[in-house]
Every structure is written in structure tokens, then in C-alpha cells.
Protein backbone atom coordinates (compact mmCIF):
# COMPACT_ATOMS: atom_id res chain seq x y z
CA MET A 1 -1.01 -92.98 88.65
CA ASN A 2 -4.39 -94.60 88.14
CA LEU A 3 -6.35 -91.45 88.93
CA ILE A 4 -9.56 -90.02 87.25
CA ARG A 5 -9.83 -86.24 86.60
CA CYS A 6 -13.56 -85.22 86.39
CA THR A 7 -14.60 -84.99 82.79
CA GLU A 8 -16.34 -81.69 83.69
CA ASN A 9 -13.07 -80.07 84.87
CA PRO A 10 -12.73 -77.17 85.61
CA VAL A 11 -15.91 -77.53 87.83
CA ILE A 12 -15.71 -73.81 88.65
CA ARG A 13 -14.15 -71.17 86.41
CA ALA A 14 -13.58 -67.50 87.19
CA GLU A 15 -16.42 -66.48 84.77
CA ASP A 16 -18.86 -68.58 86.81
CA VAL A 17 -18.43 -66.21 89.72
CA ALA A 18 -20.11 -62.81 90.07
CA PRO A 19 -17.84 -59.99 91.18
CA SER A 20 -18.59 -58.50 94.55
CA ARG A 21 -18.96 -55.07 93.02
CA PRO A 22 -19.58 -53.86 89.52
CA ASP A 23 -16.29 -52.16 88.99
CA PHE A 24 -14.32 -55.36 89.81
CA ARG A 25 -13.71 -58.49 87.64
CA VAL A 26 -12.88 -61.97 89.05
CA LEU A 27 -9.40 -63.30 88.26
CA GLY A 28 -9.90 -66.66 89.83
CA ALA A 29 -12.05 -68.88 91.92
CA PHE A 30 -9.63 -71.69 93.43
CA ASN A 31 -8.06 -73.19 96.50
CA ALA A 32 -11.39 -73.97 98.14
CA GLY A 33 -11.92 -75.63 101.51
CA VAL A 34 -14.20 -78.58 101.36
CA ALA A 35 -16.99 -79.82 103.67
CA GLN A 36 -20.05 -81.99 103.74
CA ILE A 37 -23.28 -80.76 105.43
CA GLY A 38 -26.35 -82.84 105.11
CA GLU A 39 -26.57 -83.92 101.51
CA ASP A 40 -24.58 -81.00 100.20
CA ILE A 41 -21.02 -80.69 99.27
CA ILE A 42 -19.69 -77.26 100.15
CA LEU A 43 -16.79 -75.50 98.56
CA LEU A 44 -15.58 -72.43 100.48
CA LEU A 45 -13.88 -70.81 97.44
CA ARG A 46 -11.06 -68.24 97.44
CA VAL A 47 -12.23 -65.50 95.01
CA ALA A 48 -9.54 -63.18 93.79
CA GLU A 49 -10.82 -59.86 92.22
CA ALA A 50 -9.17 -56.80 90.79
CA PRO A 51 -10.46 -53.50 89.71
CA VAL A 52 -11.23 -52.90 86.11
CA SER A 53 -8.92 -50.34 84.47
CA ASP A 54 -9.47 -48.54 81.09
CA CYS A 55 -5.92 -47.27 80.99
CA ALA A 56 -3.01 -49.55 79.77
CA ASP A 57 -0.38 -47.47 81.59
CA GLU A 58 -1.86 -47.88 84.99
CA VAL A 59 -2.05 -50.60 87.73
CA LEU A 60 -4.90 -50.42 90.07
CA ILE A 61 -4.42 -51.59 93.62
CA PRO A 62 -7.45 -52.77 95.79
CA ARG A 63 -7.08 -52.82 99.61
CA LEU A 64 -8.95 -52.37 102.68
CA ASP A 65 -8.96 -48.87 104.13
CA GLU A 66 -8.34 -49.56 107.87
CA ALA A 67 -9.95 -46.32 108.91
CA ASN A 68 -13.50 -47.15 107.70
CA SER A 69 -13.24 -50.81 106.83
CA ALA A 70 -14.11 -50.05 103.16
CA VAL A 71 -12.30 -51.20 100.08
CA ILE A 72 -10.46 -48.42 98.24
CA VAL A 73 -8.64 -48.45 94.89
CA GLU A 74 -5.27 -46.83 94.37
CA ARG A 75 -3.67 -45.97 91.04
CA TYR A 76 -0.11 -46.53 90.23
CA ASP A 77 1.73 -45.54 86.95
CA LYS A 78 3.27 -48.47 85.16
CA ASN A 79 6.13 -46.19 84.06
CA ASP A 80 7.20 -45.24 87.53
CA PRO A 81 10.83 -46.57 87.69
CA SER A 82 10.59 -46.98 91.50
CA TYR A 83 8.16 -49.87 91.16
CA ASP A 84 8.53 -53.33 89.52
CA PHE A 85 5.29 -54.50 87.83
CA SER A 86 6.75 -57.39 86.06
CA ASP A 87 4.67 -60.05 87.99
CA SER A 88 0.99 -59.46 87.52
CA ARG A 89 0.35 -60.81 91.05
CA PHE A 90 2.06 -58.04 93.05
CA VAL A 91 4.09 -54.90 93.00
CA VAL A 92 7.73 -54.76 94.19
CA ARG A 93 9.80 -51.98 95.49
CA ASP A 94 13.35 -52.27 96.49
CA GLY A 95 13.10 -56.11 96.17
CA ARG A 96 10.20 -56.48 98.52
CA VAL A 97 6.47 -57.05 97.72
CA VAL A 98 4.67 -53.83 98.79
CA MET A 99 1.16 -54.43 97.26
CA LEU A 100 -1.00 -57.13 95.87
CA THR A 101 -2.92 -56.50 92.54
CA SER A 102 -5.93 -58.48 93.70
CA LEU A 103 -8.05 -58.71 96.84
CA SER A 104 -9.46 -62.19 97.88
CA HIS A 105 -12.42 -63.15 99.88
CA LEU A 106 -14.36 -66.38 100.64
CA ARG A 107 -17.44 -67.40 98.79
CA VAL A 108 -19.81 -70.48 99.27
CA ALA A 109 -20.54 -72.94 96.42
CA ARG A 110 -23.07 -75.79 97.11
CA SER A 111 -23.65 -79.00 95.18
CA LYS A 112 -25.77 -82.17 95.60
CA ASP A 113 -23.50 -84.36 93.41
CA GLY A 114 -20.17 -82.78 94.12
CA ILE A 115 -19.69 -81.84 90.38
CA TYR A 116 -22.21 -79.10 89.51
CA PHE A 117 -22.13 -76.17 91.92
CA ASP A 118 -24.52 -73.33 92.72
CA ILE A 119 -22.28 -70.23 93.63
CA GLU A 120 -23.61 -67.65 96.07
CA PRO A 121 -23.62 -64.18 94.53
CA GLN A 122 -21.84 -62.47 97.45
CA PRO A 123 -18.88 -63.13 99.80
CA VAL A 124 -19.49 -64.87 103.04
CA LEU A 125 -16.13 -63.80 104.61
CA PHE A 126 -14.64 -60.54 103.48
CA PRO A 127 -11.60 -58.59 104.61
CA GLU A 128 -12.80 -56.38 107.48
CA GLN A 129 -9.85 -55.40 109.75
CA ALA A 130 -6.13 -54.27 109.44
CA LEU A 131 -4.61 -57.71 109.36
CA GLU A 132 -6.79 -58.68 106.49
CA ALA A 133 -6.25 -55.46 104.50
CA TRP A 134 -4.79 -57.24 101.52
CA GLY A 135 -7.19 -60.17 101.45
CA ILE A 136 -8.21 -63.57 103.06
CA GLU A 137 -7.13 -66.59 101.15
CA ASP A 138 -6.87 -70.43 100.99
CA PRO A 139 -9.36 -71.69 103.49
CA ARG A 140 -9.34 -75.22 105.07
CA VAL A 141 -12.50 -76.52 106.80
CA THR A 142 -12.53 -79.00 109.62
CA GLN A 143 -15.69 -80.49 111.10
CA ILE A 144 -15.70 -81.33 114.84
CA GLY A 145 -19.14 -82.32 116.00
CA ASP A 146 -21.68 -80.09 114.36
CA MET A 147 -19.21 -77.21 114.16
CA TYR A 148 -17.12 -76.30 110.98
CA TYR A 149 -13.78 -74.63 111.87
CA ILE A 150 -12.24 -72.50 109.04
CA THR A 151 -8.48 -71.60 108.97
CA TYR A 152 -7.44 -69.14 106.37
CA SER A 153 -4.40 -66.90 105.44
CA SER A 154 -4.93 -63.39 106.65
CA VAL A 155 -2.86 -61.04 104.49
CA SER A 156 -1.67 -57.52 105.16
CA ALA A 157 1.40 -55.38 105.08
CA ARG A 158 2.40 -57.03 108.33
CA GLY A 159 2.73 -60.34 106.50
CA VAL A 160 0.55 -63.50 106.30
CA GLY A 161 -1.07 -64.78 109.52
CA VAL A 162 -3.77 -67.30 110.11
CA GLY A 163 -7.40 -66.40 110.88
CA LEU A 164 -9.96 -68.64 112.46
CA ALA A 165 -13.64 -68.54 111.97
CA GLU A 166 -16.52 -71.10 112.59
CA THR A 167 -20.02 -71.87 111.35
CA ARG A 168 -22.70 -74.51 111.62
CA ASP A 169 -24.40 -73.91 108.36
CA PHE A 170 -22.11 -71.88 106.06
CA ARG A 171 -24.56 -69.07 106.25
CA THR A 172 -23.74 -67.48 109.51
CA PHE A 173 -20.06 -67.17 110.53
CA VAL A 174 -18.27 -66.19 113.72
CA ARG A 175 -14.67 -64.89 113.59
CA ARG A 176 -12.25 -65.89 116.35
CA GLY A 177 -9.33 -63.67 115.45
CA LEU A 178 -5.81 -64.45 114.57
CA MET A 179 -4.93 -68.00 115.39
CA LEU A 180 -1.25 -67.74 114.49
CA ALA A 181 0.87 -64.48 113.87
CA PRO A 182 2.85 -63.81 110.72
CA GLU A 183 4.60 -65.28 109.05
CA ASN A 184 2.57 -68.58 108.85
CA LYS A 185 0.08 -70.24 106.62
CA ASP A 186 -1.32 -73.56 105.26
CA VAL A 187 -2.93 -74.41 108.60
CA MET A 188 -5.42 -77.27 108.99
CA ILE A 189 -6.92 -78.58 112.13
CA PHE A 190 -7.34 -82.35 112.68
CA PRO A 191 -11.05 -83.47 112.66
CA GLU A 192 -10.88 -84.98 116.28
CA LYS A 193 -9.06 -84.82 119.53
CA ILE A 194 -6.09 -87.02 119.92
CA ASN A 195 -5.38 -88.16 123.45
CA GLY A 196 -7.38 -85.26 124.77
CA LYS A 197 -5.74 -82.53 122.66
CA PHE A 198 -6.58 -80.79 119.37
CA TYR A 199 -3.70 -80.81 116.75
CA ALA A 200 -3.08 -78.59 113.74
CA LEU A 201 -0.35 -78.62 110.97
CA HIS A 202 1.13 -75.33 110.07
CA ARG A 203 3.85 -73.84 107.77
CA PRO A 204 5.97 -71.00 109.33
CA VAL A 205 8.17 -69.11 106.96
CA PRO A 206 11.63 -68.31 108.44
CA LYS A 207 13.41 -65.17 107.20
CA SER A 208 16.73 -65.52 108.64
CA PHE A 209 17.42 -69.28 108.66
CA GLY A 210 15.63 -72.37 107.68
CA ALA A 211 12.97 -73.14 105.02
CA PRO A 212 9.21 -73.10 104.45
CA GLU A 213 8.45 -76.58 105.91
CA MET A 214 5.68 -78.38 107.86
CA TRP A 215 5.17 -78.15 111.60
CA ILE A 216 2.63 -79.37 114.04
CA ALA A 217 1.13 -77.71 117.21
CA GLU A 218 -1.47 -78.82 119.81
CA SER A 219 -4.19 -76.88 121.75
CA PRO A 220 -6.53 -77.58 124.66
CA ASP A 221 -9.24 -75.39 123.27
CA LEU A 222 -8.63 -74.53 119.53
CA MET A 223 -7.71 -70.92 120.60
CA HIS A 224 -4.32 -71.28 122.41
CA TRP A 225 -1.68 -73.20 120.41
CA GLY A 226 1.64 -74.40 121.70
CA ASN A 227 4.21 -77.27 121.81
CA HIS A 228 5.22 -76.43 118.18
CA ARG A 229 7.41 -79.17 116.68
CA PHE A 230 8.99 -79.61 113.31
CA LEU A 231 7.21 -82.26 111.31
CA MET A 232 8.43 -82.77 107.83
CA GLY A 233 11.10 -80.96 105.59
CA LEU A 234 12.00 -80.35 102.01
CA SER A 235 13.53 -83.09 99.94
CA GLU A 236 17.03 -82.59 98.59
CA GLU A 237 15.82 -82.40 94.95
CA GLY A 238 12.75 -82.91 92.87
CA TRP A 239 9.00 -81.99 93.16
CA ASP A 240 8.94 -80.78 96.78
CA SER A 241 12.52 -79.37 97.22
CA ALA A 242 11.82 -75.72 97.26
CA ARG A 243 8.77 -75.29 99.49
CA MET A 244 6.00 -77.27 101.02
CA GLY A 245 2.94 -77.04 103.16
CA GLY A 246 -0.27 -78.89 104.18
CA GLY A 247 -3.16 -79.21 101.78
CA ALA A 248 -6.34 -81.03 102.72
CA VAL A 249 -7.44 -81.52 106.20
CA PRO A 250 -6.01 -84.79 107.54
CA ILE A 251 -8.18 -87.91 106.84
CA ARG A 252 -8.17 -90.90 109.28
CA SER A 253 -7.34 -94.13 107.62
CA ASP A 254 -6.55 -97.60 108.79
CA ARG A 255 -2.86 -96.97 108.12
CA GLY A 256 -2.60 -93.60 109.87
CA TRP A 257 -3.65 -89.92 109.37
CA LEU A 258 -3.53 -89.29 105.68
CA VAL A 259 -2.19 -85.96 104.81
CA LEU A 260 -2.33 -84.53 101.27
CA TYR A 261 0.32 -81.76 100.97
CA HIS A 262 1.73 -79.53 98.35
CA GLY A 263 5.25 -79.18 97.30
CA ALA A 264 7.07 -76.94 94.77
CA ASP A 265 10.43 -77.07 92.98
CA SER A 266 12.75 -74.32 92.16
CA LYS A 267 10.80 -73.49 88.96
CA HIS A 268 7.61 -72.82 91.00
CA ARG A 269 5.82 -76.06 89.62
CA TYR A 270 3.35 -77.17 92.37
CA CYS A 271 2.41 -80.80 92.79
CA MET A 272 0.38 -82.77 95.53
CA GLY A 273 1.85 -85.52 97.53
CA ALA A 274 0.89 -87.52 100.64
CA ALA A 275 2.19 -88.43 103.99
CA LEU A 276 1.02 -90.73 106.70
CA LEU A 277 1.16 -89.71 110.36
CA ASP A 278 0.72 -92.03 113.40
CA LEU A 279 -2.87 -92.11 114.65
CA GLU A 280 -1.93 -91.80 118.30
CA ASN A 281 1.01 -89.49 117.88
CA PRO A 282 0.58 -87.34 114.72
CA ALA A 283 3.96 -85.69 115.27
CA LYS A 284 5.45 -88.94 114.01
CA VAL A 285 5.79 -89.32 110.22
CA ILE A 286 5.25 -92.99 109.08
CA ALA A 287 5.82 -92.33 105.38
CA ARG A 288 5.66 -89.82 102.66
CA SER A 289 5.53 -89.66 98.92
CA ARG A 290 8.59 -90.28 96.81
CA VAL A 291 6.72 -89.13 93.73
CA PRO A 292 3.74 -86.68 93.33
CA VAL A 293 0.20 -88.07 93.80
CA LEU A 294 -1.05 -85.28 91.31
CA GLU A 295 1.12 -83.12 89.08
CA PRO A 296 0.06 -80.39 86.61
CA GLU A 297 -0.54 -82.07 83.28
CA ALA A 298 -3.94 -81.00 82.02
CA ALA A 299 -4.26 -77.84 79.97
CA TYR A 300 -6.24 -76.03 82.69
CA GLU A 301 -3.49 -76.97 85.27
CA VAL A 302 -0.60 -75.89 83.09
CA ASN A 303 -2.04 -72.71 81.63
CA GLY A 304 -3.74 -70.04 83.57
CA PHE A 305 -3.16 -67.00 85.90
CA PHE A 306 -0.12 -68.75 87.44
CA GLY A 307 0.40 -72.02 85.42
CA LYS A 308 1.79 -75.44 86.39
CA VAL A 309 0.18 -75.42 89.69
CA VAL A 310 -2.23 -77.97 91.53
CA PHE A 311 -3.06 -77.00 95.05
CA SER A 312 -5.69 -78.72 97.17
CA CYS A 313 -7.15 -77.27 100.30
CA GLY A 314 -9.77 -80.04 100.86
CA ALA A 315 -10.66 -83.64 100.10
CA ILE A 316 -13.29 -86.21 101.13
CA LEU A 317 -13.07 -89.92 101.45
CA LEU A 318 -15.53 -91.97 99.38
CA ASP A 319 -15.33 -95.57 100.44
CA GLN A 320 -11.66 -96.43 99.32
CA THR A 321 -11.27 -93.44 97.10
CA ILE A 322 -10.03 -89.88 97.87
CA ARG A 323 -12.03 -87.22 95.95
CA MET A 324 -9.66 -84.24 95.99
CA TYR A 325 -10.81 -80.76 94.99
CA TYR A 326 -7.98 -78.52 93.93
CA GLY A 327 -7.17 -75.13 92.49
CA ALA A 328 -5.51 -75.20 89.14
CA ALA A 329 -3.19 -72.52 87.82
CA ASP A 330 -4.35 -70.18 90.49
CA GLU A 331 -7.55 -69.67 88.54
CA VAL A 332 -10.11 -72.52 88.53
CA MET A 333 -11.46 -75.41 90.63
CA ALA A 334 -11.12 -79.01 89.60
CA LEU A 335 -11.55 -82.49 91.15
CA VAL A 336 -9.83 -85.76 90.84
CA ASP A 337 -10.68 -89.24 92.27
CA ILE A 338 -7.62 -91.24 93.47
CA PRO A 339 -7.97 -94.79 94.87
CA LEU A 340 -6.33 -95.01 98.31
CA GLU A 341 -4.12 -97.82 97.20
CA GLU A 342 -2.67 -95.61 94.47
CA ILE A 343 -1.72 -92.98 97.06
CA TYR A 344 -0.18 -95.62 99.30
CA ARG A 345 1.89 -96.87 96.40
CA THR A 346 3.69 -93.46 96.31
CA LEU A 347 4.87 -93.71 100.00
CA LEU A 348 8.29 -94.60 101.31
């Protein structure tokens, strides 16, 4: 692929972000939604934090106390045989994830050139109710008129649902509640009405039958979603054979709606690919990538909190080039410029 990774990558690192409280440390700043407002490029970062422990034999678990909407920290003994602490991201009991070891919120970063960012010192969206008790993650930002609509993963012991918020300036935000119930994620709203309706891509996660694949839904008002239809499934083998989901908000092109999506294989290696959807009927897939558009190769993509991952939640069109911002190794933010023609060459 003839793509150009930014020479300043990673453009945002965990150490660039101040923790929201002094007894926490930032584990990662990644998977940011992207928007343009005036002359500014906005990254709406997912910031993952964890409590600082001075004891090697304990794991500290942050979560929202639903009774008073405050974050509390619980302590667990690493030697307790009833829990599995082998994966640093979560705690398992009886084969099920019962706790996350970090708590995520959303933070604004602003830039004039799209490369060097000023990061705000405090969250703009923070967990505040029961269905967000384990954090809010992976935002996507869609501009419609002068309003920016933000979809994000709402994580709790009830599962992962989809929250919806809106803003005009990325300073004041209004929450609209849960857009889709668990288990669902990777939701992005199309940036315009199509034949009088709003459309969104989403990724339900079946528990009995089926696989984590991409669906499409429609709405008259952005609040009520229906006519859910299967859109695109896993490949039989290769880079997107284990799971997949939408990445960046769809971009209108002269060939169709360009959808940059993520896929993973059985070894949890995450790549980015592309699909084209019909402009008038986005439930129709015109083409999709046979090979990845972007795959983890650089050191900051291969090594990190969760290595071998590139995962985009936002991109912008610059003339005939896609500038894709992406999380790398679940830890940092990077950007890459990819000519449209290079993306089209991956499509079948």
C-alpha cells in the first residue's frame, strides 16, 4: 500500500494526558472520534485510567458507584484462586468477565494542523449512571448541520450498549441516553439523510448463534431506530475472519459511501479495511477489501497495552486522500494518509 504514516506518530501518547484525579494513571489515549469545527481538528479521545497501587499482590478495580455517581476503587487479592487475573484488561470468574481493570472517559484534543494537539486537562464526558458504571469508550462523531452527534460504547455489568450525545462546540454536551441496548457497539451515524431517513451502522454481538458482524438500521429522528438489517459478514479466513465492526463515520465519495471498518483474526490481530455502500441504498454493499488497507506493522502498533492493533474511529477527506486517525495497540493515537485510489485497489 502506498500510504504515509505521520512522521510524528504517535501524535498522542498516554503520558501526554493528565489523569482525571491524582491517584490514577493514564494507561492509554486512543480510539478517538474525529471532527472539524472551524479551523480546528478535534479528537474526542478515549482515555483509559487505572488506580495506582503500591502493592504487587493486589488488583485495584475502578467503577462508578451507582448510589452516588462517584468513582470508587475496590481491592482484590491476586492470590485469590476464585478469580483469573491473567489478562491485564479485566478480571474473570467462572469463565466470565466480571470486572474491568480500567475506567474510560472521553477527552477533547484540539489542533490547527491536525498533527500537534492541545489536550484538555479534564474529561468532557465521564461515566455518570448505572449503564456507564464500567466506562464510556470508542466514540464516533457525525456532523449534521451545525450539530455533532456522538455515539459511544456504554459499558457496565449489564453489557455494552450504545450511548448518544450531542454538541455544537465540544465544550457543552447534551446526553440523549441509550441509543441501542446491549450487546451492541461500533455504531456510527451517516452524515446526511438518505431518502428522508437517517442511517447508522452497528455491530450486535450474538450470544447463542451467529457472529459479531455489521448491520444497518434507520431512523426518522436519530432517537428511534428500526428496520435493522444484516449488512456484511466475516470472511472465511484471513484478516477479518473472527470479528468485524465499523470504524470511521461513512464518507461520501463519487463511487459510494466509503466505510472504513476494522477486522480481527483468530489471533486478535486488528487491521483496517474498506467497503463501498450504495449512495441511495446504503444497505447494499458494492465492494469490500480483499486485503487490509492498514495493518499493524510500526513498532507503536505492534507493541503496547494490547499489541498488533490498529483501530480507527474517525477519518477526514482531504481532496483525494483519506486522513485516518487511529488507535494503536490500545494505547496511543496515530494518523496515516491514504490516497483514495489506493483504498479502491483493495476492493472486490
